[in-house]
Amino acid sequence: MSEPIQLIPNNSLLTASPEEGRQLAVKMARLIIKATQPDVAVREKLRPVYAESPEMLIAIGQVVATEFATIAAANNYWR
């Protein structure tokens, strides 16, 4: 059995800058996909499907935006 996925890397949403926050948001979005579909072979099989789907790509962008909004709030919007 594999180790559980750490959905919040280093257990912190704090970042030094908005750029680091955006990178963390992308990483967290990728981790939730991995947690939702833990089978590597299935994820690889599905990758071409969503890579060709504008609707799925927009949905991925929305997940990243939601993660980024959460990170920005946790960082007091870097003020």
N, C-alpha and C. Protein backbone atom coordinates (compact mmCIF):
# COMPACT_ATOMS: atom_id res chain seq x y z
N MET A 1 0.84 -1.18 0.00
CA MET A 1 0.00 0.00 0.00
C MET A 1 0.89 1.24 0.00
N SER A 2 0.54 2.22 -0.82
CA SER A 2 1.34 3.43 -0.92
C SER A 2 0.99 4.41 0.20
N GLU A 3 1.91 5.36 0.39
CA GLU A 3 1.68 6.38 1.41
C GLU A 3 0.55 7.29 0.98
N PRO A 4 -0.19 7.84 1.94
CA PRO A 4 -1.24 8.79 1.58
C PRO A 4 -0.63 10.03 0.92
N ILE A 5 -1.38 10.61 0.02
CA ILE A 5 -0.93 11.81 -0.68
C ILE A 5 -1.07 13.00 0.26
N GLN A 6 -0.03 13.81 0.34
CA GLN A 6 -0.09 15.03 1.14
C GLN A 6 -0.68 16.11 0.24
N LEU A 7 -1.95 16.45 0.45
CA LEU A 7 -2.67 17.36 -0.43
C LEU A 7 -2.25 18.82 -0.28
N ILE A 8 -1.67 19.17 0.86
CA ILE A 8 -1.11 20.51 1.05
C ILE A 8 0.38 20.32 1.31
N PRO A 9 1.21 20.53 0.28
CA PRO A 9 2.64 20.32 0.42
C PRO A 9 3.21 21.09 1.62
N ASN A 10 4.01 20.43 2.41
CA ASN A 10 4.62 20.98 3.62
C ASN A 10 3.59 21.47 4.64
N ASN A 11 2.33 21.04 4.46
CA ASN A 11 1.24 21.39 5.38
C ASN A 11 1.12 22.90 5.62
N SER A 12 1.36 23.68 4.55
CA SER A 12 1.27 25.13 4.68
C SER A 12 0.81 25.75 3.37
N LEU A 13 -0.04 26.76 3.48
CA LEU A 13 -0.46 27.53 2.31
C LEU A 13 0.32 28.83 2.20
N LEU A 14 1.22 29.09 3.13
CA LEU A 14 1.98 30.34 3.13
C LEU A 14 3.08 30.30 2.07
N THR A 15 3.14 31.36 1.28
CA THR A 15 4.17 31.48 0.24
C THR A 15 4.77 32.88 0.31
N ALA A 16 5.95 33.03 -0.28
CA ALA A 16 6.65 34.31 -0.23
C ALA A 16 6.11 35.33 -1.22
N SER A 17 5.43 34.86 -2.26
CA SER A 17 4.98 35.77 -3.31
C SER A 17 3.75 35.20 -4.02
N PRO A 18 3.05 36.05 -4.77
CA PRO A 18 1.93 35.54 -5.56
C PRO A 18 2.37 34.48 -6.57
N GLU A 19 3.55 34.63 -7.16
CA GLU A 19 4.04 33.62 -8.12
C GLU A 19 4.20 32.27 -7.44
N GLU A 20 4.79 32.25 -6.25
CA GLU A 20 4.91 30.99 -5.51
C GLU A 20 3.53 30.45 -5.15
N GLY A 21 2.61 31.35 -4.84
CA GLY A 21 1.24 30.93 -4.53
C GLY A 21 0.57 30.28 -5.73
N ARG A 22 0.78 30.85 -6.89
CA ARG A 22 0.20 30.27 -8.11
C ARG A 22 0.81 28.91 -8.40
N GLN A 23 2.10 28.78 -8.22
CA GLN A 23 2.76 27.48 -8.42
C GLN A 23 2.21 26.44 -7.44
N LEU A 24 1.99 26.85 -6.20
CA LEU A 24 1.41 25.95 -5.21
C LEU A 24 -0.01 25.56 -5.61
N ALA A 25 -0.78 26.50 -6.14
CA ALA A 25 -2.15 26.20 -6.58
C ALA A 25 -2.15 25.15 -7.68
N VAL A 26 -1.24 25.26 -8.63
CA VAL A 26 -1.14 24.27 -9.71
C VAL A 26 -0.77 22.91 -9.13
N LYS A 27 0.19 22.91 -8.22
CA LYS A 27 0.62 21.64 -7.60
C LYS A 27 -0.54 21.00 -6.84
N MET A 28 -1.29 21.80 -6.09
CA MET A 28 -2.40 21.26 -5.32
C MET A 28 -3.50 20.72 -6.23
N ALA A 29 -3.74 21.40 -7.35
CA ALA A 29 -4.73 20.91 -8.31
C ALA A 29 -4.29 19.56 -8.88
N ARG A 30 -3.02 19.43 -9.17
CA ARG A 30 -2.50 18.15 -9.69
C ARG A 30 -2.62 17.05 -8.64
N LEU A 31 -2.38 17.41 -7.38
CA LEU A 31 -2.46 16.41 -6.32
C LEU A 31 -3.89 15.90 -6.12
N ILE A 32 -4.88 16.77 -6.29
CA ILE A 32 -6.26 16.32 -6.11
C ILE A 32 -6.65 15.37 -7.23
N ILE A 33 -6.12 15.58 -8.42
CA ILE A 33 -6.37 14.64 -9.52
C ILE A 33 -5.76 13.28 -9.16
N LYS A 34 -4.55 13.31 -8.65
CA LYS A 34 -3.86 12.07 -8.25
C LYS A 34 -4.62 11.37 -7.12
N ALA A 35 -5.16 12.13 -6.19
CA ALA A 35 -5.91 11.53 -5.08
C ALA A 35 -7.23 10.95 -5.57
N THR A 36 -7.85 11.66 -6.51
CA THR A 36 -9.15 11.22 -7.03
C THR A 36 -9.00 9.98 -7.89
N GLN A 37 -7.92 9.92 -8.69
CA GLN A 37 -7.66 8.76 -9.55
C GLN A 37 -6.23 8.29 -9.27
N PRO A 38 -6.06 7.44 -8.26
CA PRO A 38 -4.71 7.03 -7.86
C PRO A 38 -4.02 6.07 -8.85
N ASP A 39 -4.76 5.49 -9.78
CA ASP A 39 -4.17 4.54 -10.73
C ASP A 39 -3.44 5.30 -11.84
N VAL A 40 -2.11 5.19 -11.85
CA VAL A 40 -1.28 5.90 -12.83
C VAL A 40 -1.67 5.53 -14.25
N ALA A 41 -1.90 4.26 -14.51
CA ALA A 41 -2.25 3.82 -15.86
C ALA A 41 -3.55 4.46 -16.34
N VAL A 42 -4.52 4.56 -15.46
CA VAL A 42 -5.79 5.18 -15.83
C VAL A 42 -5.59 6.66 -16.11
N ARG A 43 -4.82 7.36 -15.26
CA ARG A 43 -4.56 8.78 -15.49
C ARG A 43 -3.86 8.99 -16.83
N GLU A 44 -2.89 8.15 -17.14
CA GLU A 44 -2.18 8.28 -18.42
C GLU A 44 -3.12 8.01 -19.59
N LYS A 45 -4.02 7.07 -19.43
CA LYS A 45 -4.99 6.75 -20.48
C LYS A 45 -5.94 7.93 -20.71
N LEU A 46 -6.32 8.62 -19.64
CA LEU A 46 -7.27 9.73 -19.73
C LEU A 46 -6.63 11.04 -20.18
N ARG A 47 -5.34 11.18 -20.01
CA ARG A 47 -4.66 12.44 -20.33
C ARG A 47 -4.96 12.93 -21.75
N PRO A 48 -4.87 12.09 -22.78
CA PRO A 48 -5.19 12.58 -24.13
C PRO A 48 -6.64 13.04 -24.27
N VAL A 49 -7.54 12.45 -23.50
CA VAL A 49 -8.96 12.83 -23.58
C VAL A 49 -9.12 14.27 -23.11
N TYR A 50 -8.59 14.59 -21.91
CA TYR A 50 -8.79 15.96 -21.42
C TYR A 50 -7.88 16.96 -22.11
N ALA A 51 -6.76 16.51 -22.66
CA ALA A 51 -5.86 17.42 -23.37
C ALA A 51 -6.51 17.97 -24.64
N GLU A 52 -7.47 17.25 -25.17
CA GLU A 52 -8.16 17.66 -26.40
C GLU A 52 -9.53 18.28 -26.13
N SER A 53 -9.88 18.44 -24.87
CA SER A 53 -11.22 18.93 -24.53
C SER A 53 -11.15 20.34 -23.93
N PRO A 54 -11.63 21.34 -24.67
CA PRO A 54 -11.62 22.70 -24.11
C PRO A 54 -12.40 22.80 -22.80
N GLU A 55 -13.51 22.08 -22.71
CA GLU A 55 -14.32 22.14 -21.49
C GLU A 55 -13.55 21.59 -20.29
N MET A 56 -12.84 20.50 -20.48
CA MET A 56 -12.08 19.91 -19.37
C MET A 56 -10.89 20.79 -19.01
N LEU A 57 -10.25 21.40 -20.00
CA LEU A 57 -9.13 22.29 -19.70
C LEU A 57 -9.60 23.52 -18.94
N ILE A 58 -10.77 24.05 -19.30
CA ILE A 58 -11.33 25.18 -18.56
C ILE A 58 -11.65 24.76 -17.13
N ALA A 59 -12.20 23.57 -16.95
CA ALA A 59 -12.50 23.07 -15.60
C ALA A 59 -11.23 22.96 -14.77
N ILE A 60 -10.15 22.51 -15.38
CA ILE A 60 -8.86 22.42 -14.66
C ILE A 60 -8.42 23.82 -14.23
N GLY A 61 -8.56 24.79 -15.15
CA GLY A 61 -8.22 26.17 -14.81
C GLY A 61 -9.04 26.70 -13.66
N GLN A 62 -10.30 26.31 -13.60
CA GLN A 62 -11.17 26.75 -12.50
C GLN A 62 -10.71 26.16 -11.17
N VAL A 63 -10.27 24.91 -11.18
CA VAL A 63 -9.76 24.29 -9.96
C VAL A 63 -8.52 25.03 -9.48
N VAL A 64 -7.61 25.35 -10.39
CA VAL A 64 -6.40 26.09 -10.02
C VAL A 64 -6.78 27.47 -9.47
N ALA A 65 -7.74 28.13 -10.10
CA ALA A 65 -8.16 29.45 -9.63
C ALA A 65 -8.73 29.38 -8.22
N THR A 66 -9.50 28.35 -7.94
CA THR A 66 -10.08 28.18 -6.60
C THR A 66 -8.97 27.94 -5.58
N GLU A 67 -8.02 27.08 -5.93
CA GLU A 67 -6.89 26.82 -5.02
C GLU A 67 -6.10 28.11 -4.79
N PHE A 68 -5.87 28.88 -5.87
CA PHE A 68 -5.11 30.12 -5.74
C PHE A 68 -5.84 31.13 -4.86
N ALA A 69 -7.14 31.23 -4.99
CA ALA A 69 -7.91 32.15 -4.14
C ALA A 69 -7.76 31.79 -2.67
N THR A 70 -7.76 30.51 -2.38
CA THR A 70 -7.59 30.05 -1.00
C THR A 70 -6.20 30.41 -0.49
N ILE A 71 -5.19 30.17 -1.32
CA ILE A 71 -3.80 30.47 -0.94
C ILE A 71 -3.61 31.98 -0.76
N ALA A 72 -4.18 32.77 -1.67
CA ALA A 72 -4.07 34.23 -1.56
C ALA A 72 -4.68 34.72 -0.25
N ALA A 73 -5.84 34.19 0.11
CA ALA A 73 -6.48 34.59 1.36
C ALA A 73 -5.62 34.19 2.55
N ALA A 74 -5.03 33.01 2.51
CA ALA A 74 -4.18 32.55 3.62
C ALA A 74 -2.94 33.43 3.76
N ASN A 75 -2.52 34.06 2.68
CA ASN A 75 -1.35 34.92 2.70
C ASN A 75 -1.72 36.40 2.83
N ASN A 76 -2.97 36.64 3.24
CA ASN A 76 -3.45 38.02 3.38
C ASN A 76 -3.18 38.81 2.10
N TYR A 77 -3.33 38.13 0.97
CA TYR A 77 -3.14 38.73 -0.35
C TYR A 77 -1.78 39.40 -0.49
N TRP A 78 -0.79 38.89 0.22
CA TRP A 78 0.61 39.33 0.18
C TRP A 78 0.79 40.80 0.54
N ARG A 79 -0.07 41.27 1.42
CA ARG A 79 0.06 42.67 1.88
C ARG A 79 1.00 42.74 3.05
